[in-house]
Amino acid sequence: MTYKLILFLVIYFVITPCLWAQNASKLTIKKIKGSYNNAIKLPADLRIVKYDENRILLKLDSITNGFFYGNKGQDSILISEIKAINTRGLKEYIKYPIAATFTAISFGAAVFTIYAFNYPLDKCDGNGGCNNEIYPFIGMGYMGTFGLLATTFYLLPKTKFNSRKYHFSTH
């Protein structure tokens, strides 16, 4: 029984990685000065913008000898001619509306905060039953939170890579 188990484990650990390695090429994007690292499985859908501002949709197959090869090897573009690469995906379309929404909410909270500082929001009945001092701090909290969220959604989902600042390779 143990020999069958050992034989099974040897077959599993020797043969299956060879089968998994078929078509396992990845596009690796590394920042030249910095620590950014991203790997995209090939073939990948990319939008490549050249210097003359013509946009070319290229289904990327590989990068070799300084050329992007795409559309099953039929198209090629020299890397030095490329201005920027935008990876296509859902986050590219969602990023800007979310950032704009959070910015609008932040501006609304700023207007509320300014109004709360200048004018009382509740009419006090004279018995000390109102607490107007808390509203400016609530407004500042909302303003800071949604301003931070807008900045985060605008800056963090990176979808554009400048070819002079990043190194593209496949393996």
N, C-alpha and C. Protein backbone atom coordinates (compact mmCIF):
# COMPACT_ATOMS: atom_id res chain seq x y z
N MET A 1 0.82 -1.19 0.00
CA MET A 1 0.00 0.00 0.00
C MET A 1 0.86 1.26 0.00
N THR A 2 1.94 1.26 0.77
CA THR A 2 2.79 2.45 0.83
C THR A 2 3.51 2.69 -0.50
N TYR A 3 3.86 1.60 -1.22
CA TYR A 3 4.51 1.78 -2.52
C TYR A 3 3.56 2.42 -3.52
N LYS A 4 2.29 2.04 -3.46
CA LYS A 4 1.31 2.65 -4.36
C LYS A 4 1.13 4.13 -4.02
N LEU A 5 1.14 4.44 -2.74
CA LEU A 5 1.01 5.83 -2.33
C LEU A 5 2.23 6.65 -2.78
N ILE A 6 3.41 6.08 -2.58
CA ILE A 6 4.63 6.78 -3.02
C ILE A 6 4.65 6.95 -4.52
N LEU A 7 4.25 5.90 -5.28
CA LEU A 7 4.19 5.99 -6.73
C LEU A 7 3.17 7.04 -7.17
N PHE A 8 2.03 7.07 -6.52
CA PHE A 8 1.01 8.08 -6.83
C PHE A 8 1.54 9.49 -6.58
N LEU A 9 2.21 9.70 -5.44
CA LEU A 9 2.75 11.03 -5.13
C LEU A 9 3.83 11.44 -6.11
N VAL A 10 4.67 10.50 -6.52
CA VAL A 10 5.72 10.82 -7.50
C VAL A 10 5.09 11.21 -8.83
N ILE A 11 4.10 10.45 -9.26
CA ILE A 11 3.42 10.78 -10.52
C ILE A 11 2.73 12.14 -10.41
N TYR A 12 2.08 12.36 -9.28
CA TYR A 12 1.36 13.62 -9.09
C TYR A 12 2.30 14.81 -9.11
N PHE A 13 3.43 14.73 -8.39
CA PHE A 13 4.33 15.88 -8.28
C PHE A 13 5.27 16.03 -9.47
N VAL A 14 5.42 14.99 -10.31
CA VAL A 14 6.30 15.10 -11.47
C VAL A 14 5.52 15.41 -12.74
N ILE A 15 4.41 14.76 -12.94
CA ILE A 15 3.68 14.91 -14.20
C ILE A 15 2.73 16.10 -14.20
N THR A 16 2.01 16.33 -13.12
CA THR A 16 1.01 17.41 -13.14
C THR A 16 1.60 18.80 -13.31
N PRO A 17 2.76 19.12 -12.73
CA PRO A 17 3.30 20.46 -13.04
C PRO A 17 3.63 20.64 -14.52
N CYS A 18 4.03 19.56 -15.17
CA CYS A 18 4.30 19.66 -16.61
C CYS A 18 3.02 19.94 -17.38
N LEU A 19 1.92 19.32 -16.96
CA LEU A 19 0.65 19.57 -17.62
C LEU A 19 0.14 20.97 -17.32
N TRP A 20 0.32 21.44 -16.10
CA TRP A 20 -0.13 22.78 -15.73
C TRP A 20 0.71 23.85 -16.40
N ALA A 21 1.93 23.53 -16.76
CA ALA A 21 2.83 24.53 -17.34
C ALA A 21 2.51 24.82 -18.80
N GLN A 22 1.61 24.08 -19.42
CA GLN A 22 1.24 24.36 -20.79
C GLN A 22 0.53 25.71 -20.84
N ASN A 23 0.96 26.58 -21.72
CA ASN A 23 0.35 27.90 -21.90
C ASN A 23 0.30 28.70 -20.60
N ALA A 24 1.34 28.68 -19.83
CA ALA A 24 1.36 29.39 -18.56
C ALA A 24 2.14 30.69 -18.63
N SER A 25 2.27 31.27 -19.83
CA SER A 25 3.05 32.50 -19.93
C SER A 25 2.29 33.66 -19.32
N LYS A 26 3.02 34.55 -18.68
CA LYS A 26 2.43 35.71 -18.01
C LYS A 26 3.18 36.95 -18.42
N LEU A 27 2.44 38.04 -18.52
CA LEU A 27 3.04 39.35 -18.73
C LEU A 27 3.35 39.91 -17.36
N THR A 28 4.61 40.19 -17.11
CA THR A 28 5.03 40.75 -15.83
C THR A 28 5.34 42.23 -16.02
N ILE A 29 4.74 43.05 -15.18
CA ILE A 29 4.95 44.50 -15.23
C ILE A 29 5.68 44.89 -13.95
N LYS A 30 6.89 45.41 -14.07
CA LYS A 30 7.69 45.82 -12.92
C LYS A 30 8.07 47.28 -13.08
N LYS A 31 8.00 48.02 -12.00
CA LYS A 31 8.40 49.42 -12.04
C LYS A 31 9.93 49.48 -12.06
N ILE A 32 10.48 50.37 -12.89
CA ILE A 32 11.94 50.46 -13.03
C ILE A 32 12.55 50.98 -11.73
N LYS A 33 11.99 52.05 -11.16
CA LYS A 33 12.44 52.56 -9.86
C LYS A 33 11.26 52.47 -8.92
N GLY A 34 11.23 51.48 -8.09
CA GLY A 34 10.12 51.31 -7.17
C GLY A 34 9.84 49.84 -6.93
N SER A 35 8.73 49.58 -6.28
CA SER A 35 8.45 48.20 -5.88
C SER A 35 7.16 47.66 -6.49
N TYR A 36 6.62 48.27 -7.54
CA TYR A 36 5.36 47.78 -8.13
C TYR A 36 5.63 46.52 -8.92
N ASN A 37 4.79 45.52 -8.76
CA ASN A 37 4.91 44.25 -9.45
C ASN A 37 3.51 43.77 -9.79
N ASN A 38 3.26 43.39 -11.05
CA ASN A 38 1.96 42.89 -11.44
C ASN A 38 2.15 41.85 -12.53
N ALA A 39 1.41 40.76 -12.45
CA ALA A 39 1.49 39.71 -13.46
C ALA A 39 0.10 39.50 -14.05
N ILE A 40 0.01 39.47 -15.37
CA ILE A 40 -1.24 39.25 -16.09
C ILE A 40 -1.05 38.02 -16.96
N LYS A 41 -1.98 37.08 -16.89
CA LYS A 41 -1.88 35.87 -17.72
C LYS A 41 -2.09 36.22 -19.18
N LEU A 42 -1.28 35.63 -20.03
CA LEU A 42 -1.40 35.84 -21.47
C LEU A 42 -2.21 34.70 -22.08
N PRO A 43 -2.90 34.92 -23.18
CA PRO A 43 -3.06 36.19 -23.88
C PRO A 43 -3.93 37.15 -23.10
N ALA A 44 -3.59 38.42 -23.19
CA ALA A 44 -4.28 39.45 -22.40
C ALA A 44 -4.83 40.51 -23.34
N ASP A 45 -6.00 41.04 -23.00
CA ASP A 45 -6.56 42.16 -23.74
C ASP A 45 -5.92 43.44 -23.23
N LEU A 46 -5.29 44.17 -24.10
CA LEU A 46 -4.66 45.44 -23.72
C LEU A 46 -5.09 46.52 -24.70
N ARG A 47 -5.17 47.74 -24.22
CA ARG A 47 -5.34 48.88 -25.12
C ARG A 47 -4.01 49.61 -25.13
N ILE A 48 -3.38 49.68 -26.25
CA ILE A 48 -2.07 50.31 -26.36
C ILE A 48 -2.23 51.66 -27.05
N VAL A 49 -1.74 52.72 -26.43
CA VAL A 49 -1.82 54.06 -26.99
C VAL A 49 -0.43 54.44 -27.48
N LYS A 50 -0.32 54.75 -28.77
CA LYS A 50 0.98 55.11 -29.34
C LYS A 50 1.21 56.62 -29.18
N TYR A 51 2.38 57.11 -29.58
CA TYR A 51 2.72 58.52 -29.43
C TYR A 51 1.86 59.43 -30.29
N ASP A 52 1.40 58.96 -31.43
CA ASP A 52 0.57 59.81 -32.28
C ASP A 52 -0.90 59.72 -31.89
N GLU A 53 -1.18 59.21 -30.69
CA GLU A 53 -2.51 59.16 -30.09
C GLU A 53 -3.49 58.24 -30.82
N ASN A 54 -3.01 57.36 -31.69
CA ASN A 54 -3.88 56.34 -32.27
C ASN A 54 -3.98 55.19 -31.29
N ARG A 55 -5.19 54.78 -31.01
CA ARG A 55 -5.40 53.68 -30.07
C ARG A 55 -5.52 52.38 -30.85
N ILE A 56 -4.76 51.40 -30.43
CA ILE A 56 -4.76 50.10 -31.09
C ILE A 56 -5.15 49.05 -30.07
N LEU A 57 -6.22 48.32 -30.36
CA LEU A 57 -6.59 47.20 -29.52
C LEU A 57 -5.77 46.00 -29.95
N LEU A 58 -5.03 45.44 -29.02
CA LEU A 58 -4.12 44.35 -29.34
C LEU A 58 -4.31 43.24 -28.31
N LYS A 59 -4.66 42.06 -28.76
CA LYS A 59 -4.73 40.92 -27.86
C LYS A 59 -3.30 40.39 -27.77
N LEU A 60 -2.68 40.63 -26.65
CA LEU A 60 -1.25 40.39 -26.49
C LEU A 60 -0.93 38.91 -26.36
N ASP A 61 0.04 38.44 -27.15
CA ASP A 61 0.52 37.07 -27.05
C ASP A 61 1.84 36.99 -26.30
N SER A 62 2.78 37.87 -26.64
CA SER A 62 4.10 37.79 -26.01
C SER A 62 4.87 39.09 -26.23
N ILE A 63 5.99 39.19 -25.53
CA ILE A 63 6.94 40.28 -25.72
C ILE A 63 8.30 39.63 -25.92
N THR A 64 8.90 39.86 -27.09
CA THR A 64 10.24 39.32 -27.34
C THR A 64 11.02 40.33 -28.16
N ASN A 65 12.30 40.46 -27.85
CA ASN A 65 13.24 41.32 -28.57
C ASN A 65 12.73 42.75 -28.74
N GLY A 66 12.10 43.27 -27.69
CA GLY A 66 11.65 44.65 -27.73
C GLY A 66 10.38 44.90 -28.50
N PHE A 67 9.64 43.86 -28.85
CA PHE A 67 8.39 44.00 -29.58
C PHE A 67 7.24 43.39 -28.78
N PHE A 68 6.07 44.06 -28.84
CA PHE A 68 4.82 43.46 -28.40
C PHE A 68 4.27 42.66 -29.58
N TYR A 69 4.01 41.37 -29.39
CA TYR A 69 3.38 40.57 -30.42
C TYR A 69 1.96 40.26 -29.98
N GLY A 70 1.02 40.46 -30.91
CA GLY A 70 -0.37 40.23 -30.57
C GLY A 70 -1.17 39.69 -31.72
N ASN A 71 -2.43 39.39 -31.46
CA ASN A 71 -3.37 38.84 -32.44
C ASN A 71 -2.79 37.61 -33.13
N LYS A 72 -2.34 36.69 -32.29
CA LYS A 72 -1.74 35.41 -32.73
C LYS A 72 -0.53 35.63 -33.62
N GLY A 73 0.30 36.59 -33.26
CA GLY A 73 1.55 36.83 -33.96
C GLY A 73 1.42 37.65 -35.24
N GLN A 74 0.23 38.10 -35.59
CA GLN A 74 0.05 38.85 -36.83
C GLN A 74 0.44 40.31 -36.68
N ASP A 75 0.27 40.90 -35.50
CA ASP A 75 0.59 42.31 -35.29
C ASP A 75 1.77 42.42 -34.33
N SER A 76 2.59 43.43 -34.55
CA SER A 76 3.69 43.69 -33.63
C SER A 76 3.91 45.19 -33.54
N ILE A 77 4.28 45.65 -32.36
CA ILE A 77 4.54 47.07 -32.11
C ILE A 77 5.83 47.16 -31.32
N LEU A 78 6.71 48.05 -31.74
CA LEU A 78 7.96 48.26 -31.03
C LEU A 78 7.68 48.91 -29.68
N ILE A 79 8.31 48.42 -28.63
CA ILE A 79 8.05 48.93 -27.28
C ILE A 79 8.39 50.41 -27.17
N SER A 80 9.45 50.86 -27.85
CA SER A 80 9.84 52.26 -27.74
C SER A 80 8.83 53.21 -28.38
N GLU A 81 7.94 52.70 -29.24
CA GLU A 81 6.92 53.54 -29.86
C GLU A 81 5.70 53.72 -28.97
N ILE A 82 5.58 52.93 -27.93
CA ILE A 82 4.37 52.93 -27.12
C ILE A 82 4.47 53.99 -26.03
N LYS A 83 3.43 54.78 -25.90
CA LYS A 83 3.38 55.83 -24.88
C LYS A 83 2.85 55.28 -23.57
N ALA A 84 1.74 54.57 -23.60
CA ALA A 84 1.14 54.05 -22.38
C ALA A 84 0.33 52.81 -22.71
N ILE A 85 0.13 51.99 -21.72
CA ILE A 85 -0.67 50.78 -21.86
C ILE A 85 -1.76 50.83 -20.81
N ASN A 86 -3.00 50.72 -21.25
CA ASN A 86 -4.12 50.63 -20.33
C ASN A 86 -4.63 49.20 -20.35
N THR A 87 -4.63 48.55 -19.21
CA THR A 87 -5.24 47.23 -19.14
C THR A 87 -6.74 47.43 -19.09
N ARG A 88 -7.44 46.62 -19.82
CA ARG A 88 -8.89 46.75 -19.88
C ARG A 88 -9.50 45.87 -18.81
N GLY A 89 -10.51 46.38 -18.16
CA GLY A 89 -11.17 45.60 -17.14
C GLY A 89 -12.28 46.40 -16.50
N LEU A 90 -12.95 45.76 -15.58
CA LEU A 90 -14.09 46.39 -14.93
C LEU A 90 -13.67 47.59 -14.09
N LYS A 91 -12.50 47.49 -13.44
CA LYS A 91 -12.10 48.59 -12.56
C LYS A 91 -11.80 49.87 -13.33
N GLU A 92 -11.45 49.76 -14.62
CA GLU A 92 -11.21 50.96 -15.42
C GLU A 92 -12.49 51.74 -15.64
N TYR A 93 -13.62 51.04 -15.75
CA TYR A 93 -14.90 51.70 -16.00
C TYR A 93 -15.58 52.13 -14.71
N ILE A 94 -15.28 51.49 -13.60
CA ILE A 94 -15.93 51.79 -12.33
C ILE A 94 -15.16 52.85 -11.54
N LYS A 95 -13.88 52.96 -11.76
CA LYS A 95 -13.00 53.82 -10.97
C LYS A 95 -13.47 55.28 -10.93
N TYR A 96 -13.71 55.88 -12.07
CA TYR A 96 -14.02 57.31 -12.12
C TYR A 96 -15.42 57.64 -11.61
N PRO A 97 -16.47 56.87 -11.92
CA PRO A 97 -17.77 57.20 -11.32
C PRO A 97 -17.78 57.08 -9.80
N ILE A 98 -17.08 56.08 -9.24
CA ILE A 98 -17.04 55.94 -7.78
C ILE A 98 -16.30 57.13 -7.17
N ALA A 99 -15.17 57.51 -7.76
CA ALA A 99 -14.42 58.65 -7.23
C ALA A 99 -15.24 59.93 -7.33
N ALA A 100 -15.98 60.12 -8.43
CA ALA A 100 -16.81 61.32 -8.57
C ALA A 100 -17.96 61.33 -7.57
N THR A 101 -18.56 60.17 -7.31
CA THR A 101 -19.64 60.08 -6.32
C THR A 101 -19.15 60.43 -4.93
N PHE A 102 -18.03 59.84 -4.53
CA PHE A 102 -17.49 60.13 -3.20
C PHE A 102 -17.04 61.58 -3.08
N THR A 103 -16.54 62.16 -4.16
CA THR A 103 -16.17 63.58 -4.13
C THR A 103 -17.39 64.46 -3.96
N ALA A 104 -18.49 64.13 -4.65
CA ALA A 104 -19.72 64.91 -4.50
C ALA A 104 -20.27 64.80 -3.07
N ILE A 105 -20.22 63.60 -2.49
CA ILE A 105 -20.67 63.44 -1.10
C ILE A 105 -19.79 64.24 -0.16
N SER A 106 -18.48 64.26 -0.43
CA SER A 106 -17.55 65.02 0.40
C SER A 106 -17.84 66.53 0.31
N PHE A 107 -18.13 67.03 -0.89
CA PHE A 107 -18.50 68.44 -1.02
C PHE A 107 -19.80 68.75 -0.29
N GLY A 108 -20.76 67.84 -0.37
CA GLY A 108 -22.01 68.03 0.38
C GLY A 108 -21.77 68.08 1.88
N ALA A 109 -20.89 67.21 2.38
CA ALA A 109 -20.55 67.22 3.80
C ALA A 109 -19.81 68.51 4.18
N ALA A 110 -19.00 69.05 3.25
CA ALA A 110 -18.31 70.31 3.52
C ALA A 110 -19.31 71.46 3.64
N VAL A 111 -20.32 71.49 2.77
CA VAL A 111 -21.35 72.53 2.84
C VAL A 111 -22.12 72.40 4.15
N PHE A 112 -22.46 71.17 4.53
CA PHE A 112 -23.15 70.93 5.79
C PHE A 112 -22.32 71.41 6.98
N THR A 113 -21.01 71.13 6.94
CA THR A 113 -20.12 71.53 8.03
C THR A 113 -20.03 73.04 8.14
N ILE A 114 -19.88 73.72 7.03
CA ILE A 114 -19.81 75.19 7.05
C ILE A 114 -21.11 75.77 7.60
N TYR A 115 -22.23 75.24 7.16
CA TYR A 115 -23.52 75.71 7.66
C TYR A 115 -23.65 75.43 9.16
N ALA A 116 -23.18 74.25 9.61
CA ALA A 116 -23.28 73.90 11.04
C ALA A 116 -22.40 74.79 11.90
N PHE A 117 -21.27 75.26 11.36
CA PHE A 117 -20.42 76.16 12.13
C PHE A 117 -21.05 77.55 12.25
N ASN A 118 -21.77 77.99 11.24
CA ASN A 118 -22.27 79.35 11.21
C ASN A 118 -23.68 79.53 11.76
N TYR A 119 -24.51 78.53 11.65
CA TYR A 119 -25.91 78.66 12.04
C TYR A 119 -26.30 77.46 12.91
N PRO A 120 -27.15 77.67 13.90
CA PRO A 120 -27.63 76.52 14.68
C PRO A 120 -28.58 75.67 13.84
N LEU A 121 -28.42 74.37 13.95
CA LEU A 121 -29.24 73.47 13.15
C LEU A 121 -30.55 73.11 13.83
N ASP A 122 -30.60 73.18 15.14
CA ASP A 122 -31.82 72.87 15.89
C ASP A 122 -32.25 74.11 16.66
N LYS A 123 -33.52 74.27 16.78
CA LYS A 123 -34.05 75.32 17.66
C LYS A 123 -34.08 74.78 19.08
N CYS A 124 -33.41 75.45 19.96
CA CYS A 124 -33.39 75.00 21.34
C CYS A 124 -34.65 75.52 22.05
N ASP A 125 -35.18 74.69 22.92
CA ASP A 125 -36.40 75.08 23.61
C ASP A 125 -36.13 75.85 24.90
N GLY A 126 -34.88 76.08 25.20
CA GLY A 126 -34.55 76.84 26.40
C GLY A 126 -34.29 75.97 27.62
N ASN A 127 -34.60 74.71 27.55
CA ASN A 127 -34.37 73.81 28.68
C ASN A 127 -33.01 73.11 28.59
N GLY A 128 -32.20 73.46 27.60
CA GLY A 128 -30.88 72.83 27.44
C GLY A 128 -30.97 71.46 26.79
N GLY A 129 -32.02 71.24 26.03
CA GLY A 129 -32.21 69.93 25.41
C GLY A 129 -31.63 69.80 24.02
N CYS A 130 -30.81 70.75 23.58
CA CYS A 130 -30.23 70.65 22.25
C CYS A 130 -28.70 70.55 22.34
N ASN A 131 -28.12 69.89 21.35
CA ASN A 131 -26.67 69.71 21.33
C ASN A 131 -26.18 70.09 19.93
N ASN A 132 -26.01 71.37 19.69
CA ASN A 132 -25.59 71.84 18.38
C ASN A 132 -24.09 71.71 18.14
N GLU A 133 -23.31 71.46 19.18
CA GLU A 133 -21.87 71.42 19.03
C GLU A 133 -21.39 70.17 18.30
N ILE A 134 -22.20 69.13 18.26
CA ILE A 134 -21.76 67.87 17.66
C ILE A 134 -21.85 67.89 16.13
N TYR A 135 -22.74 68.70 15.55
CA TYR A 135 -22.97 68.66 14.10
C TYR A 135 -21.76 69.06 13.26
N PRO A 136 -20.99 70.08 13.64
CA PRO A 136 -19.79 70.37 12.83
C PRO A 136 -18.80 69.21 12.82
N PHE A 137 -18.69 68.50 13.94
CA PHE A 137 -17.75 67.38 13.99
C PHE A 137 -18.25 66.19 13.17
N ILE A 138 -19.56 65.99 13.16
CA ILE A 138 -20.13 64.94 12.30
C ILE A 138 -19.88 65.28 10.84
N GLY A 139 -20.08 66.54 10.46
CA GLY A 139 -19.82 66.96 9.09
C GLY A 139 -18.37 66.81 8.70
N MET A 140 -17.45 67.16 9.62
CA MET A 140 -16.02 66.99 9.31
C MET A 140 -15.66 65.51 9.19
N GLY A 141 -16.29 64.67 9.99
CA GLY A 141 -16.04 63.22 9.89
C GLY A 141 -16.48 62.66 8.55
N TYR A 142 -17.70 63.04 8.12
CA TYR A 142 -18.18 62.60 6.82
C TYR A 142 -17.30 63.15 5.69
N MET A 143 -16.93 64.41 5.80
CA MET A 143 -16.11 65.03 4.77
C MET A 143 -14.75 64.33 4.66
N GLY A 144 -14.12 64.07 5.79
CA GLY A 144 -12.82 63.40 5.76
C GLY A 144 -12.91 61.97 5.27
N THR A 145 -13.95 61.24 5.71
CA THR A 145 -14.09 59.84 5.31
C THR A 145 -14.33 59.71 3.81
N PHE A 146 -15.29 60.47 3.29
CA PHE A 146 -15.59 60.34 1.87
C PHE A 146 -14.52 60.97 0.99
N GLY A 147 -13.82 62.00 1.49
CA GLY A 147 -12.68 62.53 0.76
C GLY A 147 -11.55 61.51 0.66
N LEU A 148 -11.30 60.79 1.75
CA LEU A 148 -10.28 59.74 1.74
C LEU A 148 -10.68 58.59 0.83
N LEU A 149 -11.95 58.20 0.85
CA LEU A 149 -12.41 57.13 -0.04
C LEU A 149 -12.30 57.54 -1.50
N ALA A 150 -12.65 58.80 -1.82
CA ALA A 150 -12.54 59.27 -3.20
C ALA A 150 -11.09 59.26 -3.66
N THR A 151 -10.20 59.72 -2.82
CA THR A 151 -8.77 59.72 -3.16
C THR A 151 -8.26 58.30 -3.33
N THR A 152 -8.67 57.39 -2.45
CA THR A 152 -8.23 55.99 -2.54
C THR A 152 -8.70 55.35 -3.83
N PHE A 153 -9.98 55.51 -4.16
CA PHE A 153 -10.49 54.89 -5.38
C PHE A 153 -9.91 55.54 -6.63
N TYR A 154 -9.52 56.79 -6.54
CA TYR A 154 -8.92 57.43 -7.70
C TYR A 154 -7.47 56.99 -7.91
N LEU A 155 -6.72 56.84 -6.82
CA LEU A 155 -5.29 56.57 -6.95
C LEU A 155 -4.93 55.08 -6.99
N LEU A 156 -5.61 54.26 -6.19
CA LEU A 156 -5.13 52.89 -6.02
C LEU A 156 -5.38 51.95 -7.19
N PRO A 157 -6.55 51.85 -7.78
CA PRO A 157 -6.68 50.86 -8.86
C PRO A 157 -5.90 51.30 -10.09
N LYS A 158 -4.67 50.86 -10.22
CA LYS A 158 -3.83 51.26 -11.34
C LYS A 158 -4.23 50.50 -12.59
N THR A 159 -4.58 51.23 -13.64
CA THR A 159 -4.93 50.60 -14.90
C THR A 159 -4.05 51.10 -16.03
N LYS A 160 -3.20 52.10 -15.78
CA LYS A 160 -2.39 52.69 -16.84
C LYS A 160 -0.92 52.54 -16.48
N PHE A 161 -0.14 52.09 -17.44
CA PHE A 161 1.29 51.88 -17.21
C PHE A 161 2.07 52.65 -18.26
N ASN A 162 2.92 53.55 -17.83
CA ASN A 162 3.77 54.32 -18.73
C ASN A 162 4.95 53.44 -19.09
N SER A 163 5.21 53.28 -20.39
CA SER A 163 6.25 52.35 -20.82
C SER A 163 7.65 52.82 -20.47
N ARG A 164 7.85 54.10 -20.14
CA ARG A 164 9.18 54.56 -19.74
C ARG A 164 9.45 54.30 -18.27
N LYS A 165 8.39 54.11 -17.47
CA LYS A 165 8.57 53.91 -16.04
C LYS A 165 8.45 52.45 -15.61
N TYR A 166 7.97 51.58 -16.55
CA TYR A 166 7.76 50.19 -16.21
C TYR A 166 8.50 49.30 -17.19
N HIS A 167 8.85 48.12 -16.70
CA HIS A 167 9.53 47.11 -17.52
C HIS A 167 8.55 45.98 -17.78
N PHE A 168 8.32 45.67 -19.05
CA PHE A 168 7.38 44.62 -19.43
C PHE A 168 8.16 43.40 -19.89
N SER A 169 7.80 42.24 -19.40
CA SER A 169 8.47 41.01 -19.83
C SER A 169 7.51 39.84 -19.71
N THR A 170 7.82 38.76 -20.42
CA THR A 170 7.04 37.54 -20.31
C THR A 170 7.97 36.39 -19.96
N HIS A 171 7.39 35.40 -19.34
CA HIS A 171 8.13 34.18 -19.03
C HIS A 171 7.17 33.02 -18.99
